[in-house]
Amino acid sequence: TVGRITMVVSLGRISLYLSEKPRSLKEKRRVVKSLKDRIRVRFNVSISEVDNQDLRHSSTLGIALVCSNRKQAQTISDKILEFVRNEKKVEIIEHDFIIENH
């Protein structure tokens, strides 16, 4: 008998205010892309800008990750939030992570 393999999925949303107030959408996209790329590489997650693409001073990021246990998923989610909080160009307006077993 093969045991059931458990995976844990964490889905997150982080709403951001761009504190340096970009003067154009192009400048905003550069800041957001840089942040997304660094999060993607550092934490090995899927990440995308999912809302507020046409607003210069705000952005909403969607993040997904798959782990083998809840503790690991929670730890990585917390580290992502800490990483974003330490960014000088953005401020977190609100965030929400849902962690589920599958």
PDB file of N, CA and C in Angstrom:
ATOM      1  N   THR A   1       0.841  -1.183   0.000  1.00  0.00           N
ATOM      2  CA  THR A   1       0.000   0.000   0.000  1.00  0.00           C
ATOM      3  C   THR A   1       0.885   1.246   0.000  1.00  0.00           C
ATOM      4  N   VAL A   2       0.559   2.167  -0.867  1.00  0.00           N
ATOM      5  CA  VAL A   2       1.290   3.423  -0.938  1.00  0.00           C
ATOM      6  C   VAL A   2       0.596   4.438  -0.032  1.00  0.00           C
ATOM      7  N   GLY A   3       1.377   5.084   0.848  1.00  0.00           N
ATOM      8  CA  GLY A   3       0.807   6.088   1.748  1.00  0.00           C
ATOM      9  C   GLY A   3       0.448   7.345   0.989  1.00  0.00           C
ATOM     10  N   ARG A   4      -0.479   8.062   1.553  1.00  0.00           N
ATOM     11  CA  ARG A   4      -0.902   9.314   0.922  1.00  0.00           C
ATOM     12  C   ARG A   4       0.177  10.374   1.111  1.00  0.00           C
ATOM     13  N   ILE A   5       0.531  11.016   0.030  1.00  0.00           N
ATOM     14  CA  ILE A   5       1.519  12.084   0.089  1.00  0.00           C
ATOM     15  C   ILE A   5       0.791  13.384   0.379  1.00  0.00           C
ATOM     16  N   THR A   6       1.266  14.067   1.414  1.00  0.00           N
ATOM     17  CA  THR A   6       0.644  15.322   1.799  1.00  0.00           C
ATOM     18  C   THR A   6       1.482  16.486   1.270  1.00  0.00           C
ATOM     19  N   MET A   7       0.796  17.453   0.727  1.00  0.00           N
ATOM     20  CA  MET A   7       1.477  18.698   0.377  1.00  0.00           C
ATOM     21  C   MET A   7       0.716  19.836   1.021  1.00  0.00           C
ATOM     22  N   VAL A   8       1.433  20.878   1.319  1.00  0.00           N
ATOM     23  CA  VAL A   8       0.859  22.053   1.946  1.00  0.00           C
ATOM     24  C   VAL A   8       1.029  23.219   0.972  1.00  0.00           C
ATOM     25  N   VAL A   9      -0.064  23.947   0.756  1.00  0.00           N
ATOM     26  CA  VAL A   9      -0.061  25.073  -0.170  1.00  0.00           C
ATOM     27  C   VAL A   9      -0.303  26.352   0.631  1.00  0.00           C
ATOM     28  N   SER A  10       0.512  27.353   0.362  1.00  0.00           N
ATOM     29  CA  SER A  10       0.316  28.666   0.964  1.00  0.00           C
ATOM     30  C   SER A  10       0.025  29.653  -0.164  1.00  0.00           C
ATOM     31  N   LEU A  11      -1.100  30.334  -0.054  1.00  0.00           N
ATOM     32  CA  LEU A  11      -1.487  31.365  -1.020  1.00  0.00           C
ATOM     33  C   LEU A  11      -1.539  32.691  -0.270  1.00  0.00           C
ATOM     34  N   GLY A  12      -0.839  33.675  -0.811  1.00  0.00           N
ATOM     35  CA  GLY A  12      -0.780  34.950  -0.113  1.00  0.00           C
ATOM     36  C   GLY A  12      -1.078  36.125  -1.014  1.00  0.00           C
ATOM     37  N   ARG A  13      -1.530  37.189  -0.378  1.00  0.00           N
ATOM     38  CA  ARG A  13      -1.783  38.450  -1.074  1.00  0.00           C
ATOM     39  C   ARG A  13      -1.175  39.555  -0.205  1.00  0.00           C
ATOM     40  N   ILE A  14      -0.377  40.396  -0.831  1.00  0.00           N
ATOM     41  CA  ILE A  14       0.226  41.527  -0.118  1.00  0.00           C
ATOM     42  C   ILE A  14      -0.113  42.802  -0.888  1.00  0.00           C
ATOM     43  N   SER A  15      -0.823  43.704  -0.233  1.00  0.00           N
ATOM     44  CA  SER A  15      -1.149  45.005  -0.834  1.00  0.00           C
ATOM     45  C   SER A  15      -0.095  46.006  -0.387  1.00  0.00           C
ATOM     46  N   LEU A  16       0.446  46.728  -1.367  1.00  0.00           N
ATOM     47  CA  LEU A  16       1.571  47.618  -1.102  1.00  0.00           C
ATOM     48  C   LEU A  16       1.252  49.066  -1.468  1.00  0.00           C
ATOM     49  N   TYR A  17       1.878  49.971  -0.737  1.00  0.00           N
ATOM     50  CA  TYR A  17       1.917  51.386  -1.088  1.00  0.00           C
ATOM     51  C   TYR A  17       3.362  51.689  -1.453  1.00  0.00           C
ATOM     52  N   LEU A  18       3.591  52.279  -2.596  1.00  0.00           N
ATOM     53  CA  LEU A  18       4.944  52.619  -3.029  1.00  0.00           C
ATOM     54  C   LEU A  18       5.325  53.965  -2.431  1.00  0.00           C
ATOM     55  N   SER A  19       6.123  53.918  -1.392  1.00  0.00           N
ATOM     56  CA  SER A  19       6.395  55.103  -0.574  1.00  0.00           C
ATOM     57  C   SER A  19       7.250  56.155  -1.272  1.00  0.00           C
ATOM     58  N   GLU A  20       7.977  55.786  -2.312  1.00  0.00           N
ATOM     59  CA  GLU A  20       8.779  56.777  -3.031  1.00  0.00           C
ATOM     60  C   GLU A  20       7.996  57.478  -4.135  1.00  0.00           C
ATOM     61  N   LYS A  21       6.718  57.176  -4.241  1.00  0.00           N
ATOM     62  CA  LYS A  21       5.800  57.824  -5.171  1.00  0.00           C
ATOM     63  C   LYS A  21       6.361  57.936  -6.588  1.00  0.00           C
ATOM     64  N   PRO A  22       6.371  56.817  -7.309  1.00  0.00           N
ATOM     65  CA  PRO A  22       6.875  56.838  -8.686  1.00  0.00           C
ATOM     66  C   PRO A  22       6.126  57.861  -9.534  1.00  0.00           C
ATOM     67  N   ARG A  23       6.840  58.500 -10.453  1.00  0.00           N
ATOM     68  CA  ARG A  23       6.248  59.542 -11.289  1.00  0.00           C
ATOM     69  C   ARG A  23       5.528  58.984 -12.509  1.00  0.00           C
ATOM     70  N   SER A  24       5.761  57.707 -12.796  1.00  0.00           N
ATOM     71  CA  SER A  24       5.120  57.104 -13.963  1.00  0.00           C
ATOM     72  C   SER A  24       4.845  55.621 -13.685  1.00  0.00           C
ATOM     73  N   LEU A  25       3.960  55.036 -14.515  1.00  0.00           N
ATOM     74  CA  LEU A  25       3.701  53.604 -14.388  1.00  0.00           C
ATOM     75  C   LEU A  25       4.946  52.802 -14.737  1.00  0.00           C
ATOM     76  N   LYS A  26       5.748  53.312 -15.655  1.00  0.00           N
ATOM     77  CA  LYS A  26       6.991  52.626 -16.025  1.00  0.00           C
ATOM     78  C   LYS A  26       7.931  52.533 -14.820  1.00  0.00           C
ATOM     79  N   GLU A  27       8.059  53.615 -14.087  1.00  0.00           N
ATOM     80  CA  GLU A  27       8.902  53.630 -12.891  1.00  0.00           C
ATOM     81  C   GLU A  27       8.341  52.686 -11.818  1.00  0.00           C
ATOM     82  N   LYS A  28       7.016  52.700 -11.654  1.00  0.00           N
ATOM     83  CA  LYS A  28       6.360  51.806 -10.697  1.00  0.00           C
ATOM     84  C   LYS A  28       6.628  50.353 -11.072  1.00  0.00           C
ATOM     85  N   ARG A  29       6.476  50.008 -12.347  1.00  0.00           N
ATOM     86  CA  ARG A  29       6.683  48.626 -12.799  1.00  0.00           C
ATOM     87  C   ARG A  29       8.116  48.167 -12.552  1.00  0.00           C
ATOM     88  N   ARG A  30       9.056  49.079 -12.698  1.00  0.00           N
ATOM     89  CA  ARG A  30      10.458  48.743 -12.434  1.00  0.00           C
ATOM     90  C   ARG A  30      10.660  48.377 -10.962  1.00  0.00           C
ATOM     91  N   VAL A  31      10.077  49.162 -10.056  1.00  0.00           N
ATOM     92  CA  VAL A  31      10.186  48.899  -8.619  1.00  0.00           C
ATOM     93  C   VAL A  31       9.516  47.570  -8.269  1.00  0.00           C
ATOM     94  N   VAL A  32       8.313  47.363  -8.772  1.00  0.00           N
ATOM     95  CA  VAL A  32       7.553  46.145  -8.466  1.00  0.00           C
ATOM     96  C   VAL A  32       8.241  44.916  -9.058  1.00  0.00           C
ATOM     97  N   LYS A  33       8.723  45.028 -10.288  1.00  0.00           N
ATOM     98  CA  LYS A  33       9.410  43.899 -10.925  1.00  0.00           C
ATOM     99  C   LYS A  33      10.659  43.513 -10.148  1.00  0.00           C
ATOM    100  N   SER A  34      11.414  44.482  -9.710  1.00  0.00           N
ATOM    101  CA  SER A  34      12.619  44.220  -8.923  1.00  0.00           C
ATOM    102  C   SER A  34      12.277  43.472  -7.632  1.00  0.00           C
ATOM    103  N   LEU A  35      11.244  43.936  -6.940  1.00  0.00           N
ATOM    104  CA  LEU A  35      10.815  43.283  -5.707  1.00  0.00           C
ATOM    105  C   LEU A  35      10.347  41.855  -5.979  1.00  0.00           C
ATOM    106  N   LYS A  36       9.510  41.677  -6.993  1.00  0.00           N
ATOM    107  CA  LYS A  36       9.017  40.335  -7.345  1.00  0.00           C
ATOM    108  C   LYS A  36      10.173  39.399  -7.679  1.00  0.00           C
ATOM    109  N   ASP A  37      11.119  39.868  -8.478  1.00  0.00           N
ATOM    110  CA  ASP A  37      12.247  39.024  -8.877  1.00  0.00           C
ATOM    111  C   ASP A  37      13.076  38.597  -7.672  1.00  0.00           C
ATOM    112  N   ARG A  38      13.317  39.512  -6.754  1.00  0.00           N
ATOM    113  CA  ARG A  38      14.105  39.175  -5.564  1.00  0.00           C
ATOM    114  C   ARG A  38      13.368  38.198  -4.656  1.00  0.00           C
ATOM    115  N   ILE A  39      12.053  38.367  -4.507  1.00  0.00           N
ATOM    116  CA  ILE A  39      11.259  37.416  -3.706  1.00  0.00           C
ATOM    117  C   ILE A  39      11.267  36.045  -4.372  1.00  0.00           C
ATOM    118  N   ARG A  40      11.053  36.010  -5.682  1.00  0.00           N
ATOM    119  CA  ARG A  40      11.021  34.750  -6.429  1.00  0.00           C
ATOM    120  C   ARG A  40      12.319  33.962  -6.247  1.00  0.00           C
ATOM    121  N   VAL A  41      13.437  34.646  -6.407  1.00  0.00           N
ATOM    122  CA  VAL A  41      14.743  33.986  -6.306  1.00  0.00           C
ATOM    123  C   VAL A  41      15.049  33.561  -4.867  1.00  0.00           C
ATOM    124  N   ARG A  42      14.807  34.452  -3.937  1.00  0.00           N
ATOM    125  CA  ARG A  42      15.176  34.178  -2.539  1.00  0.00           C
ATOM    126  C   ARG A  42      14.338  33.076  -1.901  1.00  0.00           C
ATOM    127  N   PHE A  43      13.022  33.036  -2.223  1.00  0.00           N
ATOM    128  CA  PHE A  43      12.119  32.108  -1.545  1.00  0.00           C
ATOM    129  C   PHE A  43      11.586  30.993  -2.437  1.00  0.00           C
ATOM    130  N   ASN A  44      11.954  30.983  -3.714  1.00  0.00           N
ATOM    131  CA  ASN A  44      11.516  29.953  -4.660  1.00  0.00           C
ATOM    132  C   ASN A  44       9.988  29.818  -4.678  1.00  0.00           C
ATOM    133  N   VAL A  45       9.304  30.928  -4.918  1.00  0.00           N
ATOM    134  CA  VAL A  45       7.844  30.975  -4.949  1.00  0.00           C
ATOM    135  C   VAL A  45       7.369  31.495  -6.303  1.00  0.00           C
ATOM    136  N   SER A  46       6.101  31.278  -6.586  1.00  0.00           N
ATOM    137  CA  SER A  46       5.454  31.915  -7.737  1.00  0.00           C
ATOM    138  C   SER A  46       4.880  33.237  -7.256  1.00  0.00           C
ATOM    139  N   ILE A  47       5.100  34.295  -8.023  1.00  0.00           N
ATOM    140  CA  ILE A  47       4.638  35.618  -7.598  1.00  0.00           C
ATOM    141  C   ILE A  47       4.246  36.437  -8.819  1.00  0.00           C
ATOM    142  N   SER A  48       3.175  37.216  -8.659  1.00  0.00           N
ATOM    143  CA  SER A  48       2.698  38.046  -9.751  1.00  0.00           C
ATOM    144  C   SER A  48       1.992  39.276  -9.185  1.00  0.00           C
ATOM    145  N   GLU A  49       2.009  40.353  -9.947  1.00  0.00           N
ATOM    146  CA  GLU A  49       1.191  41.512  -9.589  1.00  0.00           C
ATOM    147  C   GLU A  49      -0.227  41.195 -10.039  1.00  0.00           C
ATOM    148  N   VAL A  50      -1.164  41.141  -9.100  1.00  0.00           N
ATOM    149  CA  VAL A  50      -2.513  40.663  -9.405  1.00  0.00           C
ATOM    150  C   VAL A  50      -3.581  41.751  -9.370  1.00  0.00           C
ATOM    151  N   ASP A  51      -3.233  42.948  -8.900  1.00  0.00           N
ATOM    152  CA  ASP A  51      -4.223  44.030  -8.852  1.00  0.00           C
ATOM    153  C   ASP A  51      -3.479  45.365  -8.786  1.00  0.00           C
ATOM    154  N   ASN A  52      -4.193  46.425  -9.105  1.00  0.00           N
ATOM    155  CA  ASN A  52      -3.677  47.800  -9.062  1.00  0.00           C
ATOM    156  C   ASN A  52      -2.545  48.041 -10.061  1.00  0.00           C
ATOM    157  N   GLN A  53      -2.546  47.306 -11.166  1.00  0.00           N
ATOM    158  CA  GLN A  53      -1.495  47.478 -12.169  1.00  0.00           C
ATOM    159  C   GLN A  53      -1.471  48.882 -12.758  1.00  0.00           C
ATOM    160  N   ASP A  54      -2.609  49.542 -12.815  1.00  0.00           N
ATOM    161  CA  ASP A  54      -2.681  50.856 -13.455  1.00  0.00           C
ATOM    162  C   ASP A  54      -2.632  52.025 -12.463  1.00  0.00           C
ATOM    163  N   LEU A  55      -2.328  51.729 -11.209  1.00  0.00           N
ATOM    164  CA  LEU A  55      -2.188  52.783 -10.199  1.00  0.00           C
ATOM    165  C   LEU A  55      -0.714  52.971  -9.882  1.00  0.00           C
ATOM    166  N   ARG A  56      -0.249  54.210  -9.919  1.00  0.00           N
ATOM    167  CA  ARG A  56       1.183  54.464  -9.739  1.00  0.00           C
ATOM    168  C   ARG A  56       1.704  54.206  -8.333  1.00  0.00           C
ATOM    169  N   HIS A  57       0.870  54.383  -7.317  1.00  0.00           N
ATOM    170  CA  HIS A  57       1.373  54.346  -5.948  1.00  0.00           C
ATOM    171  C   HIS A  57       0.969  53.106  -5.162  1.00  0.00           C
ATOM    172  N   SER A  58       0.345  52.138  -5.821  1.00  0.00           N
ATOM    173  CA  SER A  58      -0.021  50.923  -5.093  1.00  0.00           C
ATOM    174  C   SER A  58       0.105  49.708  -5.999  1.00  0.00           C
ATOM    175  N   SER A  59       0.214  48.562  -5.345  1.00  0.00           N
ATOM    176  CA  SER A  59       0.356  47.300  -6.052  1.00  0.00           C
ATOM    177  C   SER A  59      -0.146  46.189  -5.146  1.00  0.00           C
ATOM    178  N   THR A  60      -0.659  45.124  -5.745  1.00  0.00           N
ATOM    179  CA  THR A  60      -1.045  43.946  -4.975  1.00  0.00           C
ATOM    180  C   THR A  60      -0.345  42.744  -5.587  1.00  0.00           C
ATOM    181  N   LEU A  61       0.389  42.025  -4.747  1.00  0.00           N
ATOM    182  CA  LEU A  61       1.124  40.853  -5.192  1.00  0.00           C
ATOM    183  C   LEU A  61       0.408  39.582  -4.738  1.00  0.00           C
ATOM    184  N   GLY A  62       0.351  38.603  -5.618  1.00  0.00           N
ATOM    185  CA  GLY A  62      -0.152  37.275  -5.286  1.00  0.00           C
ATOM    186  C   GLY A  62       1.029  36.322  -5.234  1.00  0.00           C
ATOM    187  N   ILE A  63       1.077  35.490  -4.197  1.00  0.00           N
ATOM    188  CA  ILE A  63       2.208  34.594  -3.978  1.00  0.00           C
ATOM    189  C   ILE A  63       1.684  33.192  -3.701  1.00  0.00           C
ATOM    190  N   ALA A  64       2.340  32.195  -4.307  1.00  0.00           N
ATOM    191  CA  ALA A  64       1.967  30.797  -4.073  1.00  0.00           C
ATOM    192  C   ALA A  64       3.228  29.975  -3.825  1.00  0.00           C
ATOM    193  N   LEU A  65       3.131  29.063  -2.854  1.00  0.00           N
ATOM    194  CA  LEU A  65       4.232  28.155  -2.599  1.00  0.00           C
ATOM    195  C   LEU A  65       3.690  26.813  -2.137  1.00  0.00           C
ATOM    196  N   VAL A  66       4.458  25.775  -2.410  1.00  0.00           N
ATOM    197  CA  VAL A  66       4.100  24.410  -2.023  1.00  0.00           C
ATOM    198  C   VAL A  66       5.221  23.867  -1.155  1.00  0.00           C
ATOM    199  N   CYS A  67       4.844  23.286  -0.015  1.00  0.00           N
ATOM    200  CA  CYS A  67       5.808  22.730   0.932  1.00  0.00           C
ATOM    201  C   CYS A  67       5.366  21.332   1.352  1.00  0.00           C
ATOM    202  N   SER A  68       6.213  20.690   2.125  1.00  0.00           N
ATOM    203  CA  SER A  68       5.874  19.350   2.612  1.00  0.00           C
ATOM    204  C   SER A  68       5.190  19.372   3.974  1.00  0.00           C
ATOM    205  N   ASN A  69       5.242  20.530   4.689  1.00  0.00           N
ATOM    206  CA  ASN A  69       4.562  20.604   5.984  1.00  0.00           C
ATOM    207  C   ASN A  69       4.142  22.039   6.291  1.00  0.00           C
ATOM    208  N   ARG A  70       3.190  22.165   7.216  1.00  0.00           N
ATOM    209  CA  ARG A  70       2.619  23.478   7.556  1.00  0.00           C
ATOM    210  C   ARG A  70       3.644  24.410   8.188  1.00  0.00           C
ATOM    211  N   LYS A  71       4.512  23.868   9.024  1.00  0.00           N
ATOM    212  CA  LYS A  71       5.499  24.709   9.703  1.00  0.00           C
ATOM    213  C   LYS A  71       6.421  25.384   8.686  1.00  0.00           C
ATOM    214  N   GLN A  72       6.854  24.633   7.697  1.00  0.00           N
ATOM    215  CA  GLN A  72       7.708  25.193   6.652  1.00  0.00           C
ATOM    216  C   GLN A  72       6.962  26.266   5.855  1.00  0.00           C
ATOM    217  N   ALA A  73       5.709  25.997   5.512  1.00  0.00           N
ATOM    218  CA  ALA A  73       4.908  26.977   4.770  1.00  0.00           C
ATOM    219  C   ALA A  73       4.726  28.264   5.576  1.00  0.00           C
ATOM    220  N   GLN A  74       4.449  28.125   6.871  1.00  0.00           N
ATOM    221  CA  GLN A  74       4.267  29.299   7.732  1.00  0.00           C
ATOM    222  C   GLN A  74       5.573  30.079   7.861  1.00  0.00           C
ATOM    223  N   THR A  75       6.673  29.364   8.025  1.00  0.00           N
ATOM    224  CA  THR A  75       7.980  30.018   8.166  1.00  0.00           C
ATOM    225  C   THR A  75       8.329  30.813   6.912  1.00  0.00           C
ATOM    226  N   ILE A  76       8.150  30.215   5.743  1.00  0.00           N
ATOM    227  CA  ILE A  76       8.474  30.916   4.493  1.00  0.00           C
ATOM    228  C   ILE A  76       7.549  32.118   4.296  1.00  0.00           C
ATOM    229  N   SER A  77       6.253  31.949   4.568  1.00  0.00           N
ATOM    230  CA  SER A  77       5.302  33.064   4.445  1.00  0.00           C
ATOM    231  C   SER A  77       5.707  34.217   5.359  1.00  0.00           C
ATOM    232  N   ASP A  78       6.087  33.899   6.595  1.00  0.00           N
ATOM    233  CA  ASP A  78       6.522  34.928   7.546  1.00  0.00           C
ATOM    234  C   ASP A  78       7.799  35.624   7.065  1.00  0.00           C
ATOM    235  N   LYS A  79       8.720  34.849   6.507  1.00  0.00           N
ATOM    236  CA  LYS A  79       9.975  35.431   6.023  1.00  0.00           C
ATOM    237  C   LYS A  79       9.747  36.344   4.818  1.00  0.00           C
ATOM    238  N   ILE A  80       8.794  35.983   3.971  1.00  0.00           N
ATOM    239  CA  ILE A  80       8.459  36.851   2.839  1.00  0.00           C
ATOM    240  C   ILE A  80       7.927  38.192   3.347  1.00  0.00           C
ATOM    241  N   LEU A  81       7.023  38.146   4.325  1.00  0.00           N
ATOM    242  CA  LEU A  81       6.483  39.387   4.895  1.00  0.00           C
ATOM    243  C   LEU A  81       7.587  40.219   5.536  1.00  0.00           C
ATOM    244  N   GLU A  82       8.488  39.585   6.259  1.00  0.00           N
ATOM    245  CA  GLU A  82       9.606  40.295   6.890  1.00  0.00           C
ATOM    246  C   GLU A  82      10.497  40.939   5.817  1.00  0.00           C
ATOM    247  N   PHE A  83      10.758  40.205   4.740  1.00  0.00           N
ATOM    248  CA  PHE A  83      11.570  40.720   3.639  1.00  0.00           C
ATOM    249  C   PHE A  83      10.931  41.971   3.039  1.00  0.00           C
ATOM    250  N   VAL A  84       9.620  41.922   2.787  1.00  0.00           N
ATOM    251  CA  VAL A  84       8.914  43.064   2.194  1.00  0.00           C
ATOM    252  C   VAL A  84       8.879  44.235   3.180  1.00  0.00           C
ATOM    253  N   ARG A  85       8.668  43.939   4.471  1.00  0.00           N
ATOM    254  CA  ARG A  85       8.653  45.018   5.477  1.00  0.00           C
ATOM    255  C   ARG A  85       9.979  45.774   5.515  1.00  0.00           C
ATOM    256  N   ASN A  86      11.070  45.092   5.218  1.00  0.00           N
ATOM    257  CA  ASN A  86      12.396  45.720   5.253  1.00  0.00           C
ATOM    258  C   ASN A  86      12.737  46.498   3.980  1.00  0.00           C
ATOM    259  N   GLU A  87      11.851  46.454   3.005  1.00  0.00           N
ATOM    260  CA  GLU A  87      12.053  47.206   1.763  1.00  0.00           C
ATOM    261  C   GLU A  87      11.783  48.684   2.009  1.00  0.00           C
ATOM    262  N   LYS A  88      12.679  49.523   1.545  1.00  0.00           N
ATOM    263  CA  LYS A  88      12.519  50.966   1.772  1.00  0.00           C
ATOM    264  C   LYS A  88      11.539  51.623   0.799  1.00  0.00           C
ATOM    265  N   LYS A  89      11.310  51.008  -0.360  1.00  0.00           N
ATOM    266  CA  LYS A  89      10.488  51.636  -1.395  1.00  0.00           C
ATOM    267  C   LYS A  89       9.008  51.303  -1.295  1.00  0.00           C
ATOM    268  N   VAL A  90       8.648  50.355  -0.412  1.00  0.00           N
ATOM    269  CA  VAL A  90       7.244  49.966  -0.297  1.00  0.00           C
ATOM    270  C   VAL A  90       6.839  49.829   1.170  1.00  0.00           C
ATOM    271  N   GLU A  91       5.544  49.987   1.401  1.00  0.00           N
ATOM    272  CA  GLU A  91       4.963  49.743   2.727  1.00  0.00           C
ATOM    273  C   GLU A  91       3.810  48.769   2.544  1.00  0.00           C
ATOM    274  N   ILE A  92       3.673  47.834   3.475  1.00  0.00           N
ATOM    275  CA  ILE A  92       2.568  46.874   3.413  1.00  0.00           C
ATOM    276  C   ILE A  92       1.314  47.552   3.936  1.00  0.00           C
ATOM    277  N   ILE A  93       0.265  47.562   3.108  1.00  0.00           N
ATOM    278  CA  ILE A  93      -1.038  48.105   3.507  1.00  0.00           C
ATOM    279  C   ILE A  93      -1.832  47.010   4.228  1.00  0.00           C
ATOM    280  N   GLU A  94      -1.865  45.835   3.602  1.00  0.00           N
ATOM    281  CA  GLU A  94      -2.518  44.684   4.225  1.00  0.00           C
ATOM    282  C   GLU A  94      -1.951  43.424   3.604  1.00  0.00           C
ATOM    283  N   HIS A  95      -2.111  42.319   4.317  1.00  0.00           N
ATOM    284  CA  HIS A  95      -1.616  41.043   3.810  1.00  0.00           C
ATOM    285  C   HIS A  95      -2.495  39.914   4.346  1.00  0.00           C
ATOM    286  N   ASP A  96      -2.489  38.825   3.603  1.00  0.00           N
ATOM    287  CA  ASP A  96      -3.277  37.668   3.993  1.00  0.00           C
ATOM    288  C   ASP A  96      -2.640  36.423   3.377  1.00  0.00           C
ATOM    289  N   PHE A  97      -2.324  35.451   4.195  1.00  0.00           N
ATOM    290  CA  PHE A  97      -1.824  34.165   3.718  1.00  0.00           C
ATOM    291  C   PHE A  97      -2.751  33.075   4.208  1.00  0.00           C
ATOM    292  N   ILE A  98      -3.109  32.171   3.326  1.00  0.00           N
ATOM    293  CA  ILE A  98      -3.939  31.005   3.662  1.00  0.00           C
ATOM    294  C   ILE A  98      -3.073  29.776   3.449  1.00  0.00           C
ATOM    295  N   ILE A  99      -2.996  28.929   4.447  1.00  0.00           N
ATOM    296  CA  ILE A  99      -2.203  27.711   4.361  1.00  0.00           C
ATOM    297  C   ILE A  99      -3.150  26.532   4.470  1.00  0.00           C
ATOM    298  N   GLU A 100      -3.090  25.649   3.472  1.00  0.00           N
ATOM    299  CA  GLU A 100      -4.005  24.491   3.419  1.00  0.00           C
ATOM    300  C   GLU A 100      -3.235  23.210   3.151  1.00  0.00           C
ATOM    301  N   ASN A 101      -3.720  22.117   3.731  1.00  0.00           N
ATOM    302  CA  ASN A 101      -3.204  20.771   3.420  1.00  0.00           C
ATOM    303  C   ASN A 101      -3.946  20.217   2.225  1.00  0.00           C
ATOM    304  N   HIS A 102      -3.220  19.498   1.374  1.00  0.00           N
ATOM    305  CA  HIS A 102      -3.839  18.830   0.223  1.00  0.00           C
ATOM    306  C   HIS A 102      -3.292  17.440   0.095  1.00  0.00           C
TER     307      HIS A 102
END
